[in-house]
PDB file of N, CA and C in Angstrom:
ATOM      1  N   UNK A   1      54.941  72.031 135.992  1.00  0.00           N
ATOM      2  CA  UNK A   1      55.870  72.317 135.167  1.00  0.00           C
ATOM      3  C   UNK A   1      55.380  72.341 133.716  1.00  0.00           C
ATOM      4  N   UNK A   2      56.083  72.723 132.577  1.00  0.00           N
ATOM      5  CA  UNK A   2      55.833  72.827 131.358  1.00  0.00           C
ATOM      6  C   UNK A   2      56.228  71.962 130.572  1.00  0.00           C
ATOM      7  N   UNK A   3      55.648  71.303 129.461  1.00  0.00           N
ATOM      8  CA  UNK A   3      56.402  70.274 128.833  1.00  0.00           C
ATOM      9  C   UNK A   3      57.508  70.758 128.319  1.00  0.00           C
ATOM     10  N   UNK A   4      58.315  69.765 127.766  1.00  0.00           N
ATOM     11  CA  UNK A   4      59.526  70.113 126.922  1.00  0.00           C
ATOM     12  C   UNK A   4      59.624  71.022 125.922  1.00  0.00           C
ATOM     13  N   UNK A   5      59.971  72.075 125.773  1.00  0.00           N
ATOM     14  CA  UNK A   5      59.951  73.167 124.766  1.00  0.00           C
ATOM     15  C   UNK A   5      61.458  73.353 124.197  1.00  0.00           C
ATOM     16  N   UNK A   6      61.521  73.831 122.656  1.00  0.00           N
ATOM     17  CA  UNK A   6      63.015  73.434 122.128  1.00  0.00           C
ATOM     18  C   UNK A   6      63.695  74.926 122.735  1.00  0.00           C
ATOM     19  N   UNK A   7      64.967  74.695 122.513  1.00  0.00           N
ATOM     20  CA  UNK A   7      65.692  75.908 122.717  1.00  0.00           C
ATOM     21  C   UNK A   7      66.757  75.370 121.811  1.00  0.00           C
ATOM     22  N   UNK A   8      67.570  76.571 121.581  1.00  0.00           N
ATOM     23  CA  UNK A   8      68.657  76.169 120.343  1.00  0.00           C
ATOM     24  C   UNK A   8      69.568  75.247 120.886  1.00  0.00           C
ATOM     25  N   UNK A   9      69.331  74.165 120.027  1.00  0.00           N
ATOM     26  CA  UNK A   9      70.318  72.934 120.462  1.00  0.00           C
ATOM     27  C   UNK A   9      69.776  72.121 121.579  1.00  0.00           C
ATOM     28  N   UNK A  10      68.945  72.163 121.905  1.00  0.00           N
ATOM     29  CA  UNK A  10      68.570  71.536 123.534  1.00  0.00           C
ATOM     30  C   UNK A  10      66.857  71.670 123.584  1.00  0.00           C
ATOM     31  N   UNK A  11      66.440  70.899 124.756  1.00  0.00           N
ATOM     32  CA  UNK A  11      64.842  71.033 124.925  1.00  0.00           C
ATOM     33  C   UNK A  11      65.096  71.675 126.433  1.00  0.00           C
ATOM     34  N   UNK A  12      64.231  72.208 126.663  1.00  0.00           N
ATOM     35  CA  UNK A  12      64.098  72.699 128.338  1.00  0.00           C
ATOM     36  C   UNK A  12      62.608  72.460 128.901  1.00  0.00           C
ATOM     37  N   UNK A  13      62.479  72.399 130.048  1.00  0.00           N
ATOM     38  CA  UNK A  13      60.981  71.748 130.594  1.00  0.00           C
ATOM     39  C   UNK A  13      61.023  72.974 131.887  1.00  0.00           C
ATOM     40  N   UNK A  14      60.417  74.157 131.325  1.00  0.00           N
ATOM     41  CA  UNK A  14      60.344  75.399 132.537  1.00  0.00           C
ATOM     42  C   UNK A  14      59.440  75.030 133.670  1.00  0.00           C
ATOM     43  N   UNK A  15      59.667  75.116 134.560  1.00  0.00           N
ATOM     44  CA  UNK A  15      58.655  75.300 135.924  1.00  0.00           C
ATOM     45  C   UNK A  15      58.122  76.428 136.504  1.00  0.00           C
ATOM     46  N   UNK A  16      56.928  76.640 136.962  1.00  0.00           N
ATOM     47  CA  UNK A  16      56.568  77.846 137.182  1.00  0.00           C
ATOM     48  C   UNK A  16      55.665  77.886 138.594  1.00  0.00           C
ATOM     49  N   UNK A  17      55.393  79.241 139.087  1.00  0.00           N
ATOM     50  CA  UNK A  17      54.481  79.121 140.242  1.00  0.00           C
ATOM     51  C   UNK A  17      53.180  79.688 140.020  1.00  0.00           C
ATOM     52  N   UNK A  18      52.047  78.968 139.917  1.00  0.00           N
ATOM     53  CA  UNK A  18      50.888  80.018 140.309  1.00  0.00           C
ATOM     54  C   UNK A  18      49.812  80.297 141.066  1.00  0.00           C
ATOM     55  N   UNK A  19      49.400  81.338 141.220  1.00  0.00           N
ATOM     56  CA  UNK A  19      48.562  81.658 142.538  1.00  0.00           C
ATOM     57  C   UNK A  19      47.349  81.760 142.098  1.00  0.00           C
ATOM     58  N   UNK A  20      46.261  80.866 142.907  1.00  0.00           N
ATOM     59  CA  UNK A  20      45.055  80.777 142.534  1.00  0.00           C
ATOM     60  C   UNK A  20      44.097  81.249 143.431  1.00  0.00           C
ATOM     61  N   UNK A  21      43.288  81.811 142.836  1.00  0.00           N
ATOM     62  CA  UNK A  21      41.708  82.447 143.833  1.00  0.00           C
ATOM     63  C   UNK A  21      40.588  81.954 143.694  1.00  0.00           C
ATOM     64  N   UNK A  22      39.981  81.267 144.260  1.00  0.00           N
ATOM     65  CA  UNK A  22      38.552  80.768 144.127  1.00  0.00           C
ATOM     66  C   UNK A  22      37.266  81.559 144.639  1.00  0.00           C
ATOM     67  N   UNK A  23      36.295  81.232 143.658  1.00  0.00           N
ATOM     68  CA  UNK A  23      35.153  82.130 143.910  1.00  0.00           C
ATOM     69  C   UNK A  23      34.136  80.905 143.942  1.00  0.00           C
ATOM     70  N   UNK A  24      34.097  80.185 144.482  1.00  0.00           N
ATOM     71  CA  UNK A  24      33.098  78.914 144.832  1.00  0.00           C
ATOM     72  C   UNK A  24      31.637  79.283 144.709  1.00  0.00           C
ATOM     73  N   UNK A  25      30.974  78.636 144.011  1.00  0.00           N
ATOM     74  CA  UNK A  25      31.248  77.504 143.105  1.00  0.00           C
ATOM     75  C   UNK A  25      31.580  77.819 141.687  1.00  0.00           C
ATOM     76  N   UNK A  26      31.935  79.018 140.920  1.00  0.00           N
ATOM     77  CA  UNK A  26      31.563  79.184 139.571  1.00  0.00           C
ATOM     78  C   UNK A  26      32.830  79.695 138.984  1.00  0.00           C
ATOM     79  N   UNK A  27      34.213  80.068 139.940  1.00  0.00           N
ATOM     80  CA  UNK A  27      35.150  80.515 139.024  1.00  0.00           C
ATOM     81  C   UNK A  27      36.449  80.484 140.169  1.00  0.00           C
ATOM     82  N   UNK A  28      37.531  79.973 138.971  1.00  0.00           N
ATOM     83  CA  UNK A  28      38.785  79.737 139.752  1.00  0.00           C
ATOM     84  C   UNK A  28      39.762  80.507 138.919  1.00  0.00           C
ATOM     85  N   UNK A  29      40.531  81.704 139.577  1.00  0.00           N
ATOM     86  CA  UNK A  29      41.586  82.441 138.651  1.00  0.00           C
ATOM     87  C   UNK A  29      42.917  82.062 139.280  1.00  0.00           C
ATOM     88  N   UNK A  30      43.739  82.561 138.208  1.00  0.00           N
ATOM     89  CA  UNK A  30      45.336  82.277 138.288  1.00  0.00           C
ATOM     90  C   UNK A  30      46.017  83.129 137.546  1.00  0.00           C
ATOM     91  N   UNK A  31      47.140  83.545 138.556  1.00  0.00           N
ATOM     92  CA  UNK A  31      48.124  84.311 137.880  1.00  0.00           C
ATOM     93  C   UNK A  31      49.550  83.890 138.130  1.00  0.00           C
ATOM     94  N   UNK A  32      50.369  84.071 137.423  1.00  0.00           N
ATOM     95  CA  UNK A  32      51.760  83.691 137.677  1.00  0.00           C
ATOM     96  C   UNK A  32      52.235  84.477 138.837  1.00  0.00           C
ATOM     97  N   UNK A  33      52.979  83.591 139.779  1.00  0.00           N
ATOM     98  CA  UNK A  33      53.258  84.307 141.083  1.00  0.00           C
ATOM     99  C   UNK A  33      54.162  85.365 140.788  1.00  0.00           C
ATOM    100  N   UNK A  34      53.694  87.065 141.223  1.00  0.00           N
ATOM    101  CA  UNK A  34      54.396  88.029 141.219  1.00  0.00           C
ATOM    102  C   UNK A  34      55.876  87.923 141.835  1.00  0.00           C
ATOM    103  N   UNK A  35      55.914  87.448 142.576  1.00  0.00           N
ATOM    104  CA  UNK A  35      57.073  87.548 143.081  1.00  0.00           C
ATOM    105  C   UNK A  35      58.054  86.349 142.668  1.00  0.00           C
ATOM    106  N   UNK A  36      57.701  85.684 141.842  1.00  0.00           N
ATOM    107  CA  UNK A  36      58.829  85.026 141.171  1.00  0.00           C
ATOM    108  C   UNK A  36      59.473  85.180 139.875  1.00  0.00           C
ATOM    109  N   UNK A  37      60.089  86.201 140.298  1.00  0.00           N
ATOM    110  CA  UNK A  37      60.960  86.835 138.721  1.00  0.00           C
ATOM    111  C   UNK A  37      62.179  85.841 138.225  1.00  0.00           C
ATOM    112  N   UNK A  38      62.549  84.982 139.045  1.00  0.00           N
ATOM    113  CA  UNK A  38      63.177  83.652 138.728  1.00  0.00           C
ATOM    114  C   UNK A  38      62.591  83.070 137.562  1.00  0.00           C
ATOM    115  N   UNK A  39      61.660  83.086 137.418  1.00  0.00           N
ATOM    116  CA  UNK A  39      60.799  81.825 136.716  1.00  0.00           C
ATOM    117  C   UNK A  39      60.893  82.637 135.151  1.00  0.00           C
ATOM    118  N   UNK A  40      61.089  81.905 134.075  1.00  0.00           N
ATOM    119  CA  UNK A  40      61.048  82.032 132.823  1.00  0.00           C
ATOM    120  C   UNK A  40      59.967  81.799 132.297  1.00  0.00           C
ATOM    121  N   UNK A  41      58.603  81.113 132.764  1.00  0.00           N
ATOM    122  CA  UNK A  41      57.236  80.737 132.310  1.00  0.00           C
ATOM    123  C   UNK A  41      56.292  81.098 133.176  1.00  0.00           C
ATOM    124  N   UNK A  42      55.257  80.875 132.493  1.00  0.00           N
ATOM    125  CA  UNK A  42      53.877  81.500 133.482  1.00  0.00           C
ATOM    126  C   UNK A  42      52.968  81.236 132.861  1.00  0.00           C
ATOM    127  N   UNK A  43      51.486  81.086 133.700  1.00  0.00           N
ATOM    128  CA  UNK A  43      50.513  80.801 132.856  1.00  0.00           C
ATOM    129  C   UNK A  43      49.421  81.864 133.712  1.00  0.00           C
ATOM    130  N   UNK A  44      48.452  82.448 133.009  1.00  0.00           N
ATOM    131  CA  UNK A  44      47.384  83.599 133.623  1.00  0.00           C
ATOM    132  C   UNK A  44      46.027  82.880 133.168  1.00  0.00           C
ATOM    133  N   UNK A  45      44.967  82.928 133.694  1.00  0.00           N
ATOM    134  CA  UNK A  45      43.958  82.499 132.853  1.00  0.00           C
ATOM    135  C   UNK A  45      42.889  82.184 134.221  1.00  0.00           C
ATOM    136  N   UNK A  46      41.795  81.574 133.706  1.00  0.00           N
ATOM    137  CA  UNK A  46      40.638  81.571 134.498  1.00  0.00           C
ATOM    138  C   UNK A  46      39.839  79.973 134.077  1.00  0.00           C
ATOM    139  N   UNK A  47      39.045  79.260 135.208  1.00  0.00           N
ATOM    140  CA  UNK A  47      38.188  78.553 134.806  1.00  0.00           C
ATOM    141  C   UNK A  47      37.009  78.819 135.296  1.00  0.00           C
ATOM    142  N   UNK A  48      35.860  78.810 134.356  1.00  0.00           N
ATOM    143  CA  UNK A  48      34.647  79.417 134.745  1.00  0.00           C
ATOM    144  C   UNK A  48      33.448  78.223 134.510  1.00  0.00           C
ATOM    145  N   UNK A  49      32.778  77.891 135.592  1.00  0.00           N
ATOM    146  CA  UNK A  49      31.810  76.849 135.526  1.00  0.00           C
ATOM    147  C   UNK A  49      30.311  77.539 135.731  1.00  0.00           C
ATOM    148  N   UNK A  50      29.617  76.690 134.967  1.00  0.00           N
ATOM    149  CA  UNK A  50      27.930  77.120 134.971  1.00  0.00           C
ATOM    150  C   UNK A  50      27.256  76.116 135.048  1.00  0.00           C
ATOM    151  N   UNK A  51      25.932  76.321 135.795  1.00  0.00           N
ATOM    152  CA  UNK A  51      25.210  75.316 135.997  1.00  0.00           C
ATOM    153  C   UNK A  51      24.610  74.875 134.245  1.00  0.00           C
ATOM    154  N   UNK A  52      24.341  73.348 133.896  1.00  0.00           N
ATOM    155  CA  UNK A  52      23.749  73.246 132.603  1.00  0.00           C
ATOM    156  C   UNK A  52      22.585  72.141 133.022  1.00  0.00           C
ATOM    157  N   UNK A  53      21.881  72.254 131.789  1.00  0.00           N
ATOM    158  CA  UNK A  53      20.786  71.107 132.045  1.00  0.00           C
ATOM    159  C   UNK A  53      21.188  69.634 132.492  1.00  0.00           C
ATOM    160  N   UNK A  54      22.267  69.056 132.012  1.00  0.00           N
ATOM    161  CA  UNK A  54      22.630  67.876 132.460  1.00  0.00           C
ATOM    162  C   UNK A  54      24.070  67.647 133.241  1.00  0.00           C
ATOM    163  N   UNK A  55      24.703  68.946 133.872  1.00  0.00           N
ATOM    164  CA  UNK A  55      25.685  68.959 134.750  1.00  0.00           C
ATOM    165  C   UNK A  55      26.225  70.288 134.746  1.00  0.00           C
ATOM    166  N   UNK A  56      27.348  70.356 134.520  1.00  0.00           N
ATOM    167  CA  UNK A  56      28.073  71.928 134.440  1.00  0.00           C
ATOM    168  C   UNK A  56      29.069  72.242 132.974  1.00  0.00           C
ATOM    169  N   UNK A  57      28.905  73.235 132.702  1.00  0.00           N
ATOM    170  CA  UNK A  57      29.574  73.551 131.803  1.00  0.00           C
ATOM    171  C   UNK A  57      31.312  74.228 132.037  1.00  0.00           C
ATOM    172  N   UNK A  58      32.143  73.918 131.690  1.00  0.00           N
ATOM    173  CA  UNK A  58      33.320  74.643 132.226  1.00  0.00           C
ATOM    174  C   UNK A  58      34.070  75.392 131.052  1.00  0.00           C
ATOM    175  N   UNK A  59      34.283  76.497 130.923  1.00  0.00           N
ATOM    176  CA  UNK A  59      35.125  77.256 130.142  1.00  0.00           C
ATOM    177  C   UNK A  59      36.648  77.511 130.831  1.00  0.00           C
ATOM    178  N   UNK A  60      37.848  77.523 130.017  1.00  0.00           N
ATOM    179  CA  UNK A  60      39.046  77.405 130.476  1.00  0.00           C
ATOM    180  C   UNK A  60      39.756  78.577 129.491  1.00  0.00           C
ATOM    181  N   UNK A  61      39.995  79.456 129.993  1.00  0.00           N
ATOM    182  CA  UNK A  61      40.985  80.757 129.519  1.00  0.00           C
ATOM    183  C   UNK A  61      42.233  80.829 130.021  1.00  0.00           C
ATOM    184  N   UNK A  62      43.413  80.296 129.062  1.00  0.00           N
ATOM    185  CA  UNK A  62      44.682  80.113 129.649  1.00  0.00           C
ATOM    186  C   UNK A  62      45.440  81.400 128.716  1.00  0.00           C
ATOM    187  N   UNK A  63      46.596  82.004 129.194  1.00  0.00           N
ATOM    188  CA  UNK A  63      47.635  82.805 128.451  1.00  0.00           C
ATOM    189  C   UNK A  63      49.092  82.372 128.864  1.00  0.00           C
ATOM    190  N   UNK A  64      49.748  81.358 128.371  1.00  0.00           N
ATOM    191  CA  UNK A  64      50.950  80.968 128.487  1.00  0.00           C
ATOM    192  C   UNK A  64      52.263  81.767 127.961  1.00  0.00           C
ATOM    193  N   UNK A  65      52.827  81.981 128.752  1.00  0.00           N
ATOM    194  CA  UNK A  65      53.970  82.887 128.220  1.00  0.00           C
ATOM    195  C   UNK A  65      55.392  82.083 128.855  1.00  0.00           C
ATOM    196  N   UNK A  66      56.356  81.851 127.535  1.00  0.00           N
ATOM    197  CA  UNK A  66      57.587  81.579 127.927  1.00  0.00           C
ATOM    198  C   UNK A  66      59.047  82.333 127.373  1.00  0.00           C
ATOM    199  N   UNK A  67      59.623  82.907 128.522  1.00  0.00           N
ATOM    200  CA  UNK A  67      60.943  83.591 127.805  1.00  0.00           C
ATOM    201  C   UNK A  67      61.910  82.493 127.017  1.00  0.00           C
ATOM    202  N   UNK A  68      62.187  82.708 125.905  1.00  0.00           N
ATOM    203  CA  UNK A  68      63.476  82.035 125.428  1.00  0.00           C
ATOM    204  C   UNK A  68      64.271  82.729 124.279  1.00  0.00           C
ATOM    205  N   UNK A  69      65.608  82.262 124.390  1.00  0.00           N
ATOM    206  CA  UNK A  69      66.569  83.174 123.500  1.00  0.00           C
ATOM    207  C   UNK A  69      66.149  83.408 122.066  1.00  0.00           C
ATOM    208  N   UNK A  70      66.723  84.099 121.433  1.00  0.00           N
ATOM    209  CA  UNK A  70      66.505  84.115 120.176  1.00  0.00           C
ATOM    210  C   UNK A  70      64.849  84.133 119.782  1.00  0.00           C
ATOM    211  N   UNK A  71      64.154  84.928 120.107  1.00  0.00           N
ATOM    212  CA  UNK A  71      62.486  84.680 119.525  1.00  0.00           C
ATOM    213  C   UNK A  71      62.170  84.114 118.206  1.00  0.00           C
ATOM    214  N   UNK A  72      62.681  85.123 117.112  1.00  0.00           N
ATOM    215  CA  UNK A  72      62.426  84.972 116.055  1.00  0.00           C
ATOM    216  C   UNK A  72      62.799  83.834 115.274  1.00  0.00           C
ATOM    217  N   UNK A  73      64.000  83.134 115.872  1.00  0.00           N
ATOM    218  CA  UNK A  73      64.842  82.126 114.893  1.00  0.00           C
ATOM    219  C   UNK A  73      63.833  80.949 115.267  1.00  0.00           C
ATOM    220  N   UNK A  74      63.580  81.045 116.846  1.00  0.00           N
ATOM    221  CA  UNK A  74      63.068  79.604 117.558  1.00  0.00           C
ATOM    222  C   UNK A  74      61.332  79.531 117.350  1.00  0.00           C
ATOM    223  N   UNK A  75      60.929  80.419 116.818  1.00  0.00           N
ATOM    224  CA  UNK A  75      59.546  80.976 116.655  1.00  0.00           C
ATOM    225  C   UNK A  75      58.695  79.746 115.996  1.00  0.00           C
ATOM    226  N   UNK A  76      58.992  78.988 114.799  1.00  0.00           N
ATOM    227  CA  UNK A  76      58.100  77.993 114.337  1.00  0.00           C
ATOM    228  C   UNK A  76      58.490  76.800 115.190  1.00  0.00           C
ATOM    229  N   UNK A  77      59.804  76.558 115.496  1.00  0.00           N
ATOM    230  CA  UNK A  77      59.676  75.181 116.694  1.00  0.00           C
ATOM    231  C   UNK A  77      59.215  75.428 117.944  1.00  0.00           C
ATOM    232  N   UNK A  78      58.747  76.862 118.565  1.00  0.00           N
ATOM    233  CA  UNK A  78      58.289  76.899 119.822  1.00  0.00           C
ATOM    234  C   UNK A  78      56.639  76.882 119.594  1.00  0.00           C
ATOM    235  N   UNK A  79      56.185  77.213 118.238  1.00  0.00           N
ATOM    236  CA  UNK A  79      54.835  77.146 118.126  1.00  0.00           C
ATOM    237  C   UNK A  79      54.511  75.705 117.923  1.00  0.00           C
ATOM    238  N   UNK A  80      55.149  74.870 117.026  1.00  0.00           N
ATOM    239  CA  UNK A  80      54.708  73.604 117.413  1.00  0.00           C
ATOM    240  C   UNK A  80      54.800  72.709 118.618  1.00  0.00           C
ATOM    241  N   UNK A  81      56.031  72.930 119.067  1.00  0.00           N
ATOM    242  CA  UNK A  81      56.055  72.485 120.485  1.00  0.00           C
ATOM    243  C   UNK A  81      54.906  72.918 121.341  1.00  0.00           C
ATOM    244  N   UNK A  82      54.518  74.101 121.408  1.00  0.00           N
ATOM    245  CA  UNK A  82      53.653  74.802 122.403  1.00  0.00           C
ATOM    246  C   UNK A  82      52.077  74.034 122.114  1.00  0.00           C
ATOM    247  N   UNK A  83      51.993  73.700 120.721  1.00  0.00           N
ATOM    248  CA  UNK A  83      50.599  73.258 120.217  1.00  0.00           C
ATOM    249  C   UNK A  83      50.388  71.659 120.859  1.00  0.00           C
ATOM    250  N   UNK A  84      51.695  71.283 121.237  1.00  0.00           N
ATOM    251  CA  UNK A  84      51.751  69.891 121.777  1.00  0.00           C
ATOM    252  C   UNK A  84      51.800  69.945 123.328  1.00  0.00           C
ATOM    253  N   UNK A  85      52.225  71.183 123.695  1.00  0.00           N
ATOM    254  CA  UNK A  85      52.128  70.977 125.123  1.00  0.00           C
ATOM    255  C   UNK A  85      50.661  71.583 125.723  1.00  0.00           C
ATOM    256  N   UNK A  86      50.168  72.173 124.888  1.00  0.00           N
ATOM    257  CA  UNK A  86      48.751  72.635 125.645  1.00  0.00           C
ATOM    258  C   UNK A  86      47.767  71.211 125.223  1.00  0.00           C
ATOM    259  N   UNK A  87      47.826  70.758 123.872  1.00  0.00           N
ATOM    260  CA  UNK A  87      47.355  69.492 123.700  1.00  0.00           C
ATOM    261  C   UNK A  87      47.417  68.369 124.996  1.00  0.00           C
ATOM    262  N   UNK A  88      48.618  68.243 125.335  1.00  0.00           N
ATOM    263  CA  UNK A  88      49.079  67.593 126.556  1.00  0.00           C
ATOM    264  C   UNK A  88      48.242  68.101 128.132  1.00  0.00           C
ATOM    265  N   UNK A  89      48.315  69.341 127.971  1.00  0.00           N
ATOM    266  CA  UNK A  89      47.730  70.083 129.141  1.00  0.00           C
ATOM    267  C   UNK A  89      46.140  69.623 129.219  1.00  0.00           C
ATOM    268  N   UNK A  90      45.506  69.898 128.184  1.00  0.00           N
ATOM    269  CA  UNK A  90      44.332  70.049 127.937  1.00  0.00           C
ATOM    270  C   UNK A  90      43.812  68.223 128.217  1.00  0.00           C
ATOM    271  N   UNK A  91      44.329  67.191 128.066  1.00  0.00           N
ATOM    272  CA  UNK A  91      44.335  65.775 128.166  1.00  0.00           C
ATOM    273  C   UNK A  91      44.464  65.435 129.502  1.00  0.00           C
ATOM    274  N   UNK A  92      45.530  65.881 129.635  1.00  0.00           N
ATOM    275  CA  UNK A  92      45.720  65.464 131.457  1.00  0.00           C
ATOM    276  C   UNK A  92      44.648  66.365 132.503  1.00  0.00           C
ATOM    277  N   UNK A  93      44.403  67.500 132.260  1.00  0.00           N
ATOM    278  CA  UNK A  93      43.401  68.122 132.676  1.00  0.00           C
ATOM    279  C   UNK A  93      41.806  67.231 132.781  1.00  0.00           C
ATOM    280  N   UNK A  94      41.669  67.068 131.949  1.00  0.00           N
ATOM    281  CA  UNK A  94      40.249  66.059 131.117  1.00  0.00           C
ATOM    282  C   UNK A  94      40.745  64.952 132.201  1.00  0.00           C
ATOM    283  N   UNK A  95      41.531  63.969 131.843  1.00  0.00           N
ATOM    284  CA  UNK A  95      41.582  62.717 132.560  1.00  0.00           C
ATOM    285  C   UNK A  95      41.556  63.019 134.003  1.00  0.00           C
ATOM    286  N   UNK A  96      42.131  63.825 134.302  1.00  0.00           N
ATOM    287  CA  UNK A  96      42.344  64.010 136.406  1.00  0.00           C
ATOM    288  C   UNK A  96      41.049  64.717 136.607  1.00  0.00           C
ATOM    289  N   UNK A  97      40.079  65.236 135.713  1.00  0.00           N
ATOM    290  CA  UNK A  97      38.826  65.982 136.131  1.00  0.00           C
ATOM    291  C   UNK A  97      37.808  64.463 136.271  1.00  0.00           C
ATOM    292  N   UNK A  98      37.824  64.148 134.877  1.00  0.00           N
ATOM    293  CA  UNK A  98      36.943  62.726 135.130  1.00  0.00           C
ATOM    294  C   UNK A  98      37.338  61.673 136.015  1.00  0.00           C
ATOM    295  N   UNK A  99      38.684  61.475 136.523  1.00  0.00           N
ATOM    296  CA  UNK A  99      38.583  60.449 137.409  1.00  0.00           C
ATOM    297  C   UNK A  99      38.530  60.849 138.724  1.00  0.00           C
ATOM    298  N   UNK A 100      38.796  62.460 138.775  1.00  0.00           N
ATOM    299  CA  UNK A 100      38.361  62.981 140.482  1.00  0.00           C
ATOM    300  C   UNK A 100      36.848  63.103 140.356  1.00  0.00           C
ATOM    301  N   UNK A 101      35.855  63.192 139.600  1.00  0.00           N
ATOM    302  CA  UNK A 101      34.569  62.984 139.424  1.00  0.00           C
ATOM    303  C   UNK A 101      34.231  61.704 139.575  1.00  0.00           C
ATOM    304  N   UNK A 102      34.627  60.511 139.515  1.00  0.00           N
ATOM    305  CA  UNK A 102      34.424  59.161 139.505  1.00  0.00           C
ATOM    306  C   UNK A 102      34.642  59.136 140.811  1.00  0.00           C
ATOM    307  N   UNK A 103      35.622  59.660 141.364  1.00  0.00           N
ATOM    308  CA  UNK A 103      35.927  59.086 142.647  1.00  0.00           C
ATOM    309  C   UNK A 103      35.115  59.814 143.886  1.00  0.00           C
ATOM    310  N   UNK A 104      34.318  61.101 143.455  1.00  0.00           N
ATOM    311  CA  UNK A 104      33.169  61.725 144.368  1.00  0.00           C
ATOM    312  C   UNK A 104      32.233  60.845 143.950  1.00  0.00           C
ATOM    313  N   UNK A 105      31.802  60.307 142.753  1.00  0.00           N
ATOM    314  CA  UNK A 105      30.599  59.477 143.040  1.00  0.00           C
ATOM    315  C   UNK A 105      30.673  57.830 143.398  1.00  0.00           C
ATOM    316  N   UNK A 106      31.858  57.695 143.669  1.00  0.00           N
ATOM    317  CA  UNK A 106      32.171  56.080 144.563  1.00  0.00           C
ATOM    318  C   UNK A 106      31.563  56.135 145.996  1.00  0.00           C
TER     319      UNK A 106
END
């Protein structure tokens, strides 16, 4: 579920389905479920993991798409909202990753 994004006169929280493929231990690819034509949002991208001196380097590349009415009119509000959504996604991802790694160490 994507965070709340502005619509004309309201806010929305579009949900979407992702299909993930795993190339363990180095890569996770994700694409918006092609059969989900009813969904107005989606994310495509990849997580790439590489060994580093003191652990693992993680590289994340994501492309987020949302269909909204009146794109030119809503553009400034959408840009502002999407920056907040992406920051929240990054914070949640980081928090959950650290929590997961801590649980593995316990």
